[in-house]
């Protein structure tokens, strides 16, 4: 079977608006707070039309911290899947102290999806708005796209591309697709 290409997408801040508190991004509290970012539907359709699988890979440590139920996170992800042509949604419910392989910046969410879907990671992309996303993509062997926000936290060390939105990222991915 021929290996496939994928665009791995962080959820909060890439697909939907992150809730900002003290200059840091947080997931929406509930479905009523959920807002798809402008251009996301068009970007996802475009990437899908180019033959990329679209796989969401999201850290949701509030589950481990006990401040959010798994069912609430699942409801947001189900809603997202109804809105966008996503092939899969992968969630890490752990916190840093759990030392799991799936919590970004570790690449476990990407590498297990690659195994499950026969994805060639060297011809795939990771798009995220935080250093953890970019580092996970790089560790998995993907090209990385950092969507730059003015978050009050460290910037990624090694993004291959920088974008202002998923629509901008999709245009950059389309431009380099044939060269990979």
Protein backbone atom coordinates (compact mmCIF):
# COMPACT_ATOMS: atom_id res chain seq x y z
CA UNK A 1 0.00 0.00 0.00
CA UNK A 2 1.28 3.45 -0.94
CA UNK A 3 2.13 5.68 2.03
CA UNK A 4 -0.20 8.64 2.49
CA UNK A 5 0.40 12.28 3.36
CA UNK A 6 -1.24 14.09 6.25
CA UNK A 7 -1.62 17.50 7.75
CA UNK A 8 -1.73 17.19 11.52
CA UNK A 9 -3.64 20.07 13.09
CA UNK A 10 -3.64 21.35 16.61
CA UNK A 11 -7.18 22.20 17.68
CA UNK A 12 -7.36 25.28 19.91
CA UNK A 13 -5.85 28.32 18.20
CA UNK A 14 -5.60 26.60 14.81
CA UNK A 15 -9.13 25.39 14.07
CA UNK A 16 -11.13 27.16 16.75
CA UNK A 17 -10.57 30.35 18.69
CA UNK A 18 -8.57 29.79 21.86
CA UNK A 19 -9.81 31.51 24.99
CA UNK A 20 -7.10 33.93 26.11
CA UNK A 21 -6.31 34.47 29.78
CA UNK A 22 -3.27 36.45 30.91
CA UNK A 23 -1.77 36.17 27.43
CA UNK A 24 -2.04 32.37 27.35
CA UNK A 25 -4.39 30.24 25.24
CA UNK A 26 -6.95 27.86 26.69
CA UNK A 27 -9.60 25.61 25.12
CA UNK A 28 -13.23 26.72 25.03
CA UNK A 29 -15.06 25.97 28.26
CA UNK A 30 -18.06 24.47 26.47
CA UNK A 31 -19.74 24.15 23.11
CA UNK A 32 -21.37 27.55 23.63
CA UNK A 33 -17.86 29.11 23.72
CA UNK A 34 -16.74 27.26 20.60
CA UNK A 35 -15.97 29.43 17.56
CA UNK A 36 -14.42 28.19 14.32
CA UNK A 37 -11.71 30.58 13.13
CA UNK A 38 -12.17 32.45 9.83
CA UNK A 39 -10.97 30.56 6.76
CA UNK A 40 -10.64 27.20 8.54
CA UNK A 41 -13.37 25.46 6.53
CA UNK A 42 -11.86 26.62 3.24
CA UNK A 43 -8.34 25.68 4.34
CA UNK A 44 -9.40 22.17 5.38
CA UNK A 45 -11.31 21.59 2.16
CA UNK A 46 -8.32 22.79 0.13
CA UNK A 47 -5.85 20.56 1.97
CA UNK A 48 -8.20 17.59 1.63
CA UNK A 49 -8.56 18.25 -2.11
CA UNK A 50 -4.75 18.07 -2.38
CA UNK A 51 -4.92 14.52 -1.03
CA UNK A 52 -3.87 15.15 2.56
CA UNK A 53 -5.46 13.31 5.44
CA UNK A 54 -6.50 15.82 8.12
CA UNK A 55 -5.82 14.61 11.63
CA UNK A 56 -6.35 16.73 14.73
CA UNK A 57 -3.80 16.14 17.50
CA UNK A 58 -4.65 18.00 20.68
CA UNK A 59 -3.37 18.16 24.25
CA UNK A 60 -6.25 18.38 26.71
CA UNK A 61 -4.58 18.32 30.15
CA UNK A 62 -7.70 19.68 31.86
CA UNK A 63 -8.97 16.09 31.79
CA UNK A 64 -6.03 14.90 33.91
CA UNK A 65 -6.33 17.97 36.12
CA UNK A 66 -9.99 17.14 36.79
CA UNK A 67 -11.31 20.51 35.59
CA UNK A 68 -12.91 19.10 32.42
CA UNK A 69 -14.70 15.82 31.78
CA UNK A 70 -13.69 13.61 28.88
CA UNK A 71 -17.30 13.80 27.65
CA UNK A 72 -17.03 17.61 27.35
CA UNK A 73 -13.85 17.36 25.28
CA UNK A 74 -15.46 14.64 23.15
CA UNK A 75 -18.50 16.88 22.53
CA UNK A 76 -16.26 19.67 21.19
CA UNK A 77 -14.40 17.20 18.97
CA UNK A 78 -17.63 15.69 17.66
CA UNK A 79 -18.89 19.16 16.79
CA UNK A 80 -15.61 19.92 15.01
CA UNK A 81 -15.90 16.71 12.98
CA UNK A 82 -19.40 17.73 11.90
CA UNK A 83 -18.08 21.06 10.61
CA UNK A 84 -14.85 20.01 8.92
CA UNK A 85 -13.63 17.19 6.64
CA UNK A 86 -11.43 15.62 9.31
CA UNK A 87 -10.15 12.06 9.03
CA UNK A 88 -9.43 11.62 12.73
CA UNK A 89 -9.14 13.42 16.07
CA UNK A 90 -6.51 12.29 18.56
CA UNK A 91 -6.52 13.55 22.15
CA UNK A 92 -3.86 13.39 24.83
CA UNK A 93 -5.72 13.65 28.17
CA UNK A 94 -2.52 13.76 30.23
CA UNK A 95 -0.60 16.48 32.04
CA UNK A 96 3.18 17.01 31.92
CA UNK A 97 3.71 15.04 35.12
CA UNK A 98 2.25 11.91 33.54
CA UNK A 99 5.29 11.62 31.21
CA UNK A 100 3.22 9.95 28.49
CA UNK A 101 4.40 9.57 24.91
CA UNK A 102 1.32 11.29 23.48
CA UNK A 103 1.55 14.70 25.16
CA UNK A 104 3.05 17.21 22.77
CA UNK A 105 5.95 18.08 22.46
CA UNK A 106 6.41 14.31 22.35
CA UNK A 107 5.40 12.89 18.96
CA UNK A 108 3.23 9.96 20.10
CA UNK A 109 -0.08 11.29 18.77
CA UNK A 110 1.48 11.75 15.33
CA UNK A 111 3.46 8.52 15.20
CA UNK A 112 0.55 6.31 16.26
CA UNK A 113 -1.71 7.99 13.70
CA UNK A 114 1.02 7.47 11.08
CA UNK A 115 1.08 3.78 11.91
CA UNK A 116 -2.72 3.46 11.90
CA UNK A 117 -3.18 5.32 8.58
CA UNK A 118 0.06 4.35 6.76
CA UNK A 119 1.29 7.97 6.71
CA UNK A 120 4.70 9.03 5.43
CA UNK A 121 5.67 11.55 8.08
CA UNK A 122 8.48 13.01 5.95
CA UNK A 123 5.86 14.14 3.41
CA UNK A 124 3.46 15.42 6.06
CA UNK A 125 2.98 18.63 8.03
CA UNK A 126 2.19 19.61 11.61
CA UNK A 127 0.36 22.94 12.01
CA UNK A 128 0.17 24.48 15.46
CA UNK A 129 0.10 27.74 17.36
CA UNK A 130 2.41 26.76 20.22
CA UNK A 131 5.98 25.57 20.59
CA UNK A 132 4.75 22.15 21.76
CA UNK A 133 2.99 21.57 18.43
CA UNK A 134 6.02 22.50 16.36
CA UNK A 135 8.40 20.43 18.48
CA UNK A 136 6.11 17.38 18.24
CA UNK A 137 5.92 17.70 14.47
CA UNK A 138 9.68 18.05 14.15
CA UNK A 139 10.27 15.07 16.47
CA UNK A 140 7.93 12.98 14.30
CA UNK A 141 9.81 13.97 11.13
CA UNK A 142 7.13 16.28 9.68
CA UNK A 143 7.54 19.70 8.17
CA UNK A 144 6.17 22.22 10.65
CA UNK A 145 4.05 25.33 10.35
CA UNK A 146 3.77 27.71 13.28
CA UNK A 147 0.74 29.96 13.36
CA UNK A 148 2.11 33.00 15.13
CA UNK A 149 0.04 34.45 17.95
CA UNK A 150 1.28 36.90 20.57
CA UNK A 151 0.99 34.30 23.36
CA UNK A 152 3.07 35.02 26.44
CA UNK A 153 5.16 31.87 26.25
CA UNK A 154 8.23 30.59 24.51
CA UNK A 155 8.34 30.47 20.73
CA UNK A 156 9.21 27.29 18.84
CA UNK A 157 12.87 26.63 18.14
CA UNK A 158 12.57 25.22 14.66
CA UNK A 159 9.43 25.88 12.61
CA UNK A 160 9.88 25.28 8.87
CA UNK A 161 7.17 27.83 8.01
CA UNK A 162 5.37 30.63 9.83
CA UNK A 163 1.77 31.62 9.08
CA UNK A 164 -0.88 34.01 10.35
CA UNK A 165 -3.80 31.58 9.98
CA UNK A 166 -4.67 28.08 8.82
CA UNK A 167 -5.67 29.54 5.46
CA UNK A 168 -2.18 31.04 5.12
CA UNK A 169 -0.63 27.74 6.25
CA UNK A 170 -2.68 25.80 3.67
CA UNK A 171 -1.45 28.10 0.90
CA UNK A 172 2.16 27.53 1.98
CA UNK A 173 1.64 23.75 2.16
CA UNK A 174 0.07 23.75 -1.32
CA UNK A 175 3.01 25.75 -2.69
CA UNK A 176 5.62 23.24 -1.46
CA UNK A 177 3.61 20.01 -1.86
CA UNK A 178 5.12 19.03 -5.17
CA UNK A 179 8.67 19.60 -3.91
CA UNK A 180 8.40 17.06 -1.10
